[in-house]
């Protein structure tokens, strides 16, 4: 499984889940258009694949490597919207993606990120670590 196949698989899982559970939730994927924060709505999801490290898995005539990273899920919500829906989005996606095998990739347990507040937006999220290869 290539890194692009992994990215495509994860994004597809997220798209399918969101279309059923939160069909009106805007989702912004890495390297896509920047959201217009005035028009996007009071709650939206930011998704990114982050690559951190690599290692040699096998030497020889067919050397293999492993890549390490995390799926970053961040739910942004406007001041006054409350935490219920953002919490449900993060909980649901964590349950969907953590501790699973996706082809040659394995995901681990989620790691919560520090909630932040800036310019009228709150952010809550998780990192779901993975090993590919």
N, C-alpha and C. Protein backbone atom coordinates (compact mmCIF):
# COMPACT_ATOMS: atom_id res chain seq x y z
N UNK A 1 0.85 -1.18 0.00
CA UNK A 1 0.00 0.00 0.00
C UNK A 1 0.89 1.23 0.00
N UNK A 2 0.68 2.11 -0.95
CA UNK A 2 1.45 3.34 -1.01
C UNK A 2 0.87 4.37 -0.04
N UNK A 3 1.63 5.42 0.18
CA UNK A 3 1.14 6.47 1.06
C UNK A 3 -0.13 7.11 0.50
N UNK A 4 -0.19 7.25 -0.82
CA UNK A 4 -1.39 7.84 -1.42
C UNK A 4 -2.60 6.90 -1.31
N UNK A 5 -2.37 5.60 -1.42
CA UNK A 5 -3.47 4.64 -1.23
C UNK A 5 -3.98 4.68 0.21
N UNK A 6 -3.04 4.82 1.16
CA UNK A 6 -3.44 4.93 2.56
C UNK A 6 -4.28 6.19 2.77
N UNK A 7 -3.80 7.32 2.26
CA UNK A 7 -4.53 8.59 2.39
C UNK A 7 -5.94 8.45 1.80
N UNK A 8 -6.03 7.88 0.62
CA UNK A 8 -7.31 7.71 -0.05
C UNK A 8 -8.26 6.82 0.76
N UNK A 9 -7.73 5.76 1.32
CA UNK A 9 -8.54 4.84 2.13
C UNK A 9 -9.09 5.53 3.37
N UNK A 10 -8.24 6.25 4.07
CA UNK A 10 -8.66 6.95 5.28
C UNK A 10 -9.69 8.02 4.95
N UNK A 11 -9.43 8.81 3.92
CA UNK A 11 -10.37 9.87 3.54
C UNK A 11 -11.71 9.28 3.12
N UNK A 12 -11.70 8.14 2.44
CA UNK A 12 -12.93 7.49 2.03
C UNK A 12 -13.73 7.01 3.24
N UNK A 13 -13.05 6.43 4.22
CA UNK A 13 -13.72 5.99 5.46
C UNK A 13 -14.39 7.18 6.14
N UNK A 14 -13.67 8.30 6.22
CA UNK A 14 -14.21 9.49 6.87
C UNK A 14 -15.41 10.03 6.09
N UNK A 15 -15.27 10.15 4.76
CA UNK A 15 -16.38 10.65 3.93
C UNK A 15 -17.64 9.80 4.10
N UNK A 16 -17.47 8.48 4.08
CA UNK A 16 -18.61 7.58 4.22
C UNK A 16 -19.29 7.75 5.58
N UNK A 17 -18.49 7.83 6.65
CA UNK A 17 -19.04 7.97 7.99
C UNK A 17 -19.77 9.30 8.14
N UNK A 18 -19.13 10.38 7.71
CA UNK A 18 -19.74 11.71 7.83
C UNK A 18 -21.04 11.78 7.04
N UNK A 19 -21.08 11.17 5.85
CA UNK A 19 -22.29 11.25 5.02
C UNK A 19 -23.49 10.60 5.70
N UNK A 20 -23.24 9.64 6.58
CA UNK A 20 -24.33 8.96 7.29
C UNK A 20 -24.63 9.66 8.63
N UNK A 21 -23.58 9.94 9.40
CA UNK A 21 -23.76 10.44 10.77
C UNK A 21 -23.99 11.95 10.87
N UNK A 22 -23.30 12.74 10.03
CA UNK A 22 -23.39 14.20 10.07
C UNK A 22 -23.38 14.73 8.63
N UNK A 23 -24.44 14.46 7.86
CA UNK A 23 -24.42 14.76 6.43
C UNK A 23 -24.24 16.24 6.07
N UNK A 24 -24.49 17.15 6.98
CA UNK A 24 -24.33 18.58 6.65
C UNK A 24 -23.01 19.15 7.17
N UNK A 25 -22.18 18.31 7.79
CA UNK A 25 -20.90 18.77 8.35
C UNK A 25 -19.88 19.02 7.24
N UNK A 26 -19.39 20.25 7.11
CA UNK A 26 -18.33 20.50 6.14
C UNK A 26 -17.02 19.82 6.59
N UNK A 27 -16.35 19.17 5.65
CA UNK A 27 -15.06 18.53 5.93
C UNK A 27 -14.02 19.15 5.01
N UNK A 28 -12.92 19.59 5.61
CA UNK A 28 -11.82 20.20 4.87
C UNK A 28 -10.64 19.24 4.95
N UNK A 29 -10.18 18.79 3.78
CA UNK A 29 -9.06 17.85 3.72
C UNK A 29 -7.77 18.59 3.39
N UNK A 30 -6.66 18.03 3.86
CA UNK A 30 -5.35 18.64 3.61
C UNK A 30 -5.15 18.95 2.13
N UNK A 31 -4.42 19.99 1.88
CA UNK A 31 -4.08 20.42 0.52
C UNK A 31 -5.30 20.77 -0.31
N UNK A 32 -6.42 20.98 0.32
CA UNK A 32 -7.62 21.41 -0.39
C UNK A 32 -7.80 22.90 -0.24
N UNK A 33 -8.90 23.40 -0.72
CA UNK A 33 -9.16 24.83 -0.59
C UNK A 33 -9.27 25.23 0.89
N UNK A 34 -8.75 26.38 1.22
CA UNK A 34 -8.87 26.90 2.57
C UNK A 34 -10.33 27.29 2.81
N UNK A 35 -10.86 26.96 3.97
CA UNK A 35 -12.27 27.28 4.22
C UNK A 35 -12.47 28.79 4.42
N UNK A 36 -13.58 29.28 3.96
CA UNK A 36 -13.99 30.64 4.25
C UNK A 36 -14.68 30.60 5.61
N UNK A 37 -13.98 31.01 6.64
CA UNK A 37 -14.48 30.87 8.01
C UNK A 37 -15.76 31.67 8.26
N UNK A 38 -16.05 32.65 7.43
CA UNK A 38 -17.28 33.41 7.59
C UNK A 38 -18.47 32.68 6.96
N UNK A 39 -18.22 31.76 6.05
CA UNK A 39 -19.30 31.11 5.32
C UNK A 39 -19.42 29.61 5.61
N UNK A 40 -18.42 28.99 6.22
CA UNK A 40 -18.40 27.53 6.33
C UNK A 40 -19.45 26.99 7.30
N UNK A 41 -19.88 27.77 8.24
CA UNK A 41 -20.86 27.30 9.20
C UNK A 41 -20.28 27.27 10.60
N UNK A 42 -21.09 26.95 11.58
CA UNK A 42 -20.64 27.04 12.96
C UNK A 42 -19.77 25.87 13.42
N UNK A 43 -19.81 24.74 12.70
CA UNK A 43 -19.00 23.56 13.06
C UNK A 43 -18.46 22.95 11.77
N UNK A 44 -17.15 22.62 11.76
CA UNK A 44 -16.56 21.95 10.61
C UNK A 44 -15.39 21.10 11.05
N UNK A 45 -15.00 20.15 10.20
CA UNK A 45 -13.95 19.19 10.50
C UNK A 45 -12.76 19.39 9.58
N UNK A 46 -11.58 19.38 10.16
CA UNK A 46 -10.32 19.47 9.40
C UNK A 46 -9.61 18.12 9.52
N UNK A 47 -9.21 17.54 8.38
CA UNK A 47 -8.58 16.23 8.35
C UNK A 47 -7.23 16.34 7.64
N UNK A 48 -6.21 15.74 8.24
CA UNK A 48 -4.86 15.79 7.66
C UNK A 48 -4.11 14.51 8.00
N UNK A 49 -3.33 14.01 7.04
CA UNK A 49 -2.41 12.91 7.30
C UNK A 49 -1.05 13.54 7.57
N UNK A 50 -0.49 13.25 8.72
CA UNK A 50 0.82 13.80 9.10
C UNK A 50 1.85 12.67 9.12
N UNK A 51 2.95 12.88 8.41
CA UNK A 51 4.03 11.90 8.34
C UNK A 51 5.14 12.34 9.28
N UNK A 52 5.61 11.43 10.14
CA UNK A 52 6.59 11.80 11.15
C UNK A 52 7.95 11.13 10.99
N UNK A 53 7.99 9.87 10.61
CA UNK A 53 9.25 9.14 10.67
C UNK A 53 9.18 7.93 9.75
N UNK A 54 10.31 7.30 9.57
CA UNK A 54 10.40 6.08 8.79
C UNK A 54 11.52 5.20 9.32
N UNK A 55 11.48 3.93 8.97
CA UNK A 55 12.54 3.02 9.39
C UNK A 55 12.66 1.90 8.37
N UNK A 56 13.77 1.19 8.43
CA UNK A 56 14.00 0.03 7.57
C UNK A 56 13.33 -1.17 8.24
N UNK A 57 12.52 -1.88 7.49
CA UNK A 57 11.84 -3.07 8.00
C UNK A 57 12.56 -4.35 7.58
N UNK A 58 13.20 -4.34 6.40
CA UNK A 58 13.91 -5.52 5.92
C UNK A 58 14.95 -5.11 4.88
N UNK A 59 16.12 -5.73 4.97
CA UNK A 59 17.18 -5.53 3.99
C UNK A 59 17.12 -6.63 2.94
N UNK A 60 18.03 -6.63 2.01
CA UNK A 60 18.12 -7.70 1.04
C UNK A 60 17.71 -7.25 -0.35
N UNK A 61 17.37 -8.23 -1.18
CA UNK A 61 17.02 -7.94 -2.57
C UNK A 61 15.71 -7.16 -2.69
N UNK A 62 14.82 -7.32 -1.72
CA UNK A 62 13.55 -6.59 -1.73
C UNK A 62 13.41 -5.82 -0.41
N UNK A 63 14.20 -4.76 -0.25
CA UNK A 63 14.14 -4.03 1.02
C UNK A 63 12.75 -3.43 1.24
N UNK A 64 12.40 -3.36 2.51
CA UNK A 64 11.09 -2.78 2.89
C UNK A 64 11.30 -1.70 3.94
N UNK A 65 10.41 -0.75 3.91
CA UNK A 65 10.46 0.31 4.91
C UNK A 65 9.11 0.44 5.60
N UNK A 66 9.12 1.15 6.70
CA UNK A 66 7.89 1.46 7.41
C UNK A 66 7.83 2.97 7.59
N UNK A 67 6.65 3.52 7.44
CA UNK A 67 6.42 4.93 7.68
C UNK A 67 5.52 5.08 8.89
N UNK A 68 5.76 6.15 9.64
CA UNK A 68 4.99 6.42 10.84
C UNK A 68 4.37 7.81 10.74
N UNK A 69 3.18 7.92 11.27
CA UNK A 69 2.51 9.22 11.25
C UNK A 69 1.26 9.18 12.08
N UNK A 70 0.37 10.14 11.79
CA UNK A 70 -0.89 10.22 12.51
C UNK A 70 -1.95 10.83 11.61
N UNK A 71 -3.16 10.37 11.78
CA UNK A 71 -4.32 11.00 11.16
C UNK A 71 -4.77 12.09 12.14
N UNK A 72 -4.76 13.32 11.69
CA UNK A 72 -5.16 14.45 12.52
C UNK A 72 -6.62 14.79 12.24
N UNK A 73 -7.43 14.79 13.28
CA UNK A 73 -8.84 15.15 13.18
C UNK A 73 -9.08 16.31 14.13
N UNK A 74 -9.50 17.44 13.58
CA UNK A 74 -9.76 18.63 14.40
C UNK A 74 -11.14 19.17 14.07
N UNK A 75 -11.98 19.27 15.08
CA UNK A 75 -13.32 19.80 14.89
C UNK A 75 -13.33 21.24 15.42
N UNK A 76 -13.65 22.18 14.53
CA UNK A 76 -13.72 23.58 14.89
C UNK A 76 -15.18 23.96 15.11
N UNK A 77 -15.43 24.79 16.12
CA UNK A 77 -16.79 25.23 16.38
C UNK A 77 -16.77 26.64 16.95
N UNK A 78 -17.79 27.39 16.58
CA UNK A 78 -17.90 28.78 16.97
C UNK A 78 -18.25 28.90 18.45
N UNK A 79 -17.78 29.98 19.03
CA UNK A 79 -18.14 30.31 20.39
C UNK A 79 -19.66 30.30 20.52
N UNK A 80 -20.15 29.62 21.55
CA UNK A 80 -21.59 29.56 21.79
C UNK A 80 -22.27 28.34 21.20
N UNK A 81 -21.58 27.54 20.41
CA UNK A 81 -22.19 26.35 19.80
C UNK A 81 -22.25 25.15 20.74
N UNK A 82 -21.48 25.19 21.81
CA UNK A 82 -21.45 24.06 22.73
C UNK A 82 -20.50 22.97 22.26
N UNK A 83 -20.28 21.98 23.11
CA UNK A 83 -19.30 20.93 22.83
C UNK A 83 -19.91 19.59 22.45
N UNK A 84 -21.24 19.48 22.50
CA UNK A 84 -21.87 18.18 22.25
C UNK A 84 -21.57 17.64 20.86
N UNK A 85 -21.90 18.40 19.83
CA UNK A 85 -21.70 17.91 18.45
C UNK A 85 -20.23 17.71 18.13
N UNK A 86 -19.34 18.67 18.41
CA UNK A 86 -17.91 18.41 18.15
C UNK A 86 -17.40 17.17 18.87
N UNK A 87 -17.85 16.96 20.11
CA UNK A 87 -17.46 15.77 20.85
C UNK A 87 -17.94 14.50 20.20
N UNK A 88 -19.19 14.51 19.70
CA UNK A 88 -19.73 13.33 19.01
C UNK A 88 -18.98 13.04 17.72
N UNK A 89 -18.59 14.08 16.99
CA UNK A 89 -17.83 13.90 15.75
C UNK A 89 -16.48 13.24 16.06
N UNK A 90 -15.76 13.79 17.03
CA UNK A 90 -14.43 13.27 17.37
C UNK A 90 -14.54 11.86 17.95
N UNK A 91 -15.51 11.61 18.82
CA UNK A 91 -15.69 10.27 19.39
C UNK A 91 -16.01 9.25 18.31
N UNK A 92 -16.93 9.61 17.42
CA UNK A 92 -17.34 8.68 16.36
C UNK A 92 -16.21 8.35 15.40
N UNK A 93 -15.48 9.38 14.98
CA UNK A 93 -14.36 9.13 14.05
C UNK A 93 -13.22 8.39 14.74
N UNK A 94 -12.98 8.67 16.02
CA UNK A 94 -11.96 7.93 16.76
C UNK A 94 -12.31 6.45 16.79
N UNK A 95 -13.57 6.15 17.11
CA UNK A 95 -14.01 4.75 17.16
C UNK A 95 -13.87 4.08 15.80
N UNK A 96 -14.14 4.83 14.74
CA UNK A 96 -14.05 4.30 13.38
C UNK A 96 -12.61 3.97 12.98
N UNK A 97 -11.67 4.84 13.34
CA UNK A 97 -10.31 4.74 12.78
C UNK A 97 -9.27 4.11 13.70
N UNK A 98 -9.46 4.14 15.00
CA UNK A 98 -8.39 3.66 15.87
C UNK A 98 -8.37 2.14 16.01
N UNK A 99 -7.18 1.60 16.23
CA UNK A 99 -6.94 0.18 16.47
C UNK A 99 -7.55 -0.68 15.37
N UNK A 100 -7.13 -0.38 14.14
CA UNK A 100 -7.61 -1.11 12.96
C UNK A 100 -6.49 -1.36 11.98
N UNK A 101 -6.75 -2.30 11.08
CA UNK A 101 -5.85 -2.56 9.96
C UNK A 101 -6.51 -2.04 8.70
N UNK A 102 -5.75 -1.27 7.92
CA UNK A 102 -6.18 -0.78 6.61
C UNK A 102 -5.11 -1.23 5.62
N UNK A 103 -5.30 -2.38 4.99
CA UNK A 103 -4.28 -2.90 4.09
C UNK A 103 -2.98 -3.12 4.84
N UNK A 104 -1.91 -2.46 4.40
CA UNK A 104 -0.60 -2.61 5.03
C UNK A 104 -0.40 -1.63 6.19
N UNK A 105 -1.43 -0.94 6.60
CA UNK A 105 -1.32 0.04 7.68
C UNK A 105 -2.08 -0.44 8.91
N UNK A 106 -1.57 -0.05 10.06
CA UNK A 106 -2.20 -0.35 11.34
C UNK A 106 -2.31 0.96 12.12
N UNK A 107 -3.50 1.22 12.66
CA UNK A 107 -3.67 2.41 13.49
C UNK A 107 -3.64 2.02 14.96
N UNK A 108 -3.24 2.99 15.77
CA UNK A 108 -3.18 2.78 17.22
C UNK A 108 -4.29 3.52 17.93
N UNK A 109 -4.12 3.66 19.23
CA UNK A 109 -5.10 4.37 20.06
C UNK A 109 -4.97 5.86 19.87
N UNK A 110 -6.09 6.54 19.89
CA UNK A 110 -6.08 7.99 19.69
C UNK A 110 -5.30 8.70 20.79
N UNK A 111 -4.82 9.86 20.44
CA UNK A 111 -4.16 10.75 21.39
C UNK A 111 -4.88 12.08 21.31
N UNK A 112 -5.45 12.51 22.41
CA UNK A 112 -6.18 13.78 22.40
C UNK A 112 -5.22 14.95 22.25
N UNK A 113 -5.65 15.96 21.51
CA UNK A 113 -4.86 17.18 21.37
C UNK A 113 -5.38 18.22 22.35
N UNK A 114 -4.58 19.21 22.60
CA UNK A 114 -4.96 20.26 23.54
C UNK A 114 -6.04 21.14 22.90
N UNK A 115 -7.20 21.29 23.55
CA UNK A 115 -8.22 22.18 23.00
C UNK A 115 -7.69 23.62 22.96
N UNK A 116 -8.08 24.33 21.92
CA UNK A 116 -7.62 25.71 21.79
C UNK A 116 -8.79 26.62 21.47
N UNK A 117 -8.55 27.92 21.61
CA UNK A 117 -9.55 28.93 21.31
C UNK A 117 -8.82 30.11 20.69
N UNK A 118 -9.26 30.52 19.48
CA UNK A 118 -8.62 31.64 18.80
C UNK A 118 -9.61 32.29 17.85
N UNK A 119 -9.73 33.57 17.92
CA UNK A 119 -10.54 34.37 17.00
C UNK A 119 -11.98 33.88 16.87
N UNK A 120 -12.58 33.52 18.00
CA UNK A 120 -13.97 33.10 17.99
C UNK A 120 -14.22 31.64 17.68
N UNK A 121 -13.16 30.87 17.46
CA UNK A 121 -13.28 29.44 17.16
C UNK A 121 -12.65 28.62 18.29
N UNK A 122 -13.33 27.55 18.67
CA UNK A 122 -12.75 26.54 19.54
C UNK A 122 -12.34 25.37 18.66
N UNK A 123 -11.35 24.62 19.13
CA UNK A 123 -10.91 23.44 18.39
C UNK A 123 -10.69 22.29 19.37
N UNK A 124 -11.25 21.14 19.04
CA UNK A 124 -11.04 19.92 19.80
C UNK A 124 -10.63 18.86 18.80
N UNK A 125 -9.72 17.97 19.20
CA UNK A 125 -9.29 16.97 18.22
C UNK A 125 -8.49 15.83 18.80
N UNK A 126 -8.09 14.96 17.88
CA UNK A 126 -7.27 13.80 18.23
C UNK A 126 -6.26 13.54 17.12
N UNK A 127 -5.21 12.85 17.48
CA UNK A 127 -4.27 12.27 16.53
C UNK A 127 -4.41 10.76 16.65
N UNK A 128 -4.54 10.10 15.53
CA UNK A 128 -4.60 8.63 15.52
C UNK A 128 -3.33 8.13 14.86
N UNK A 129 -2.39 7.62 15.68
CA UNK A 129 -1.10 7.19 15.10
C UNK A 129 -1.26 5.99 14.20
N UNK A 130 -0.36 5.89 13.21
CA UNK A 130 -0.37 4.73 12.32
C UNK A 130 1.03 4.34 11.94
N UNK A 131 1.14 3.08 11.54
CA UNK A 131 2.35 2.53 10.93
C UNK A 131 1.94 1.97 9.58
N UNK A 132 2.67 2.38 8.55
CA UNK A 132 2.39 1.91 7.20
C UNK A 132 3.60 1.13 6.70
N UNK A 133 3.37 -0.12 6.31
CA UNK A 133 4.44 -0.92 5.73
C UNK A 133 4.85 -2.09 6.56
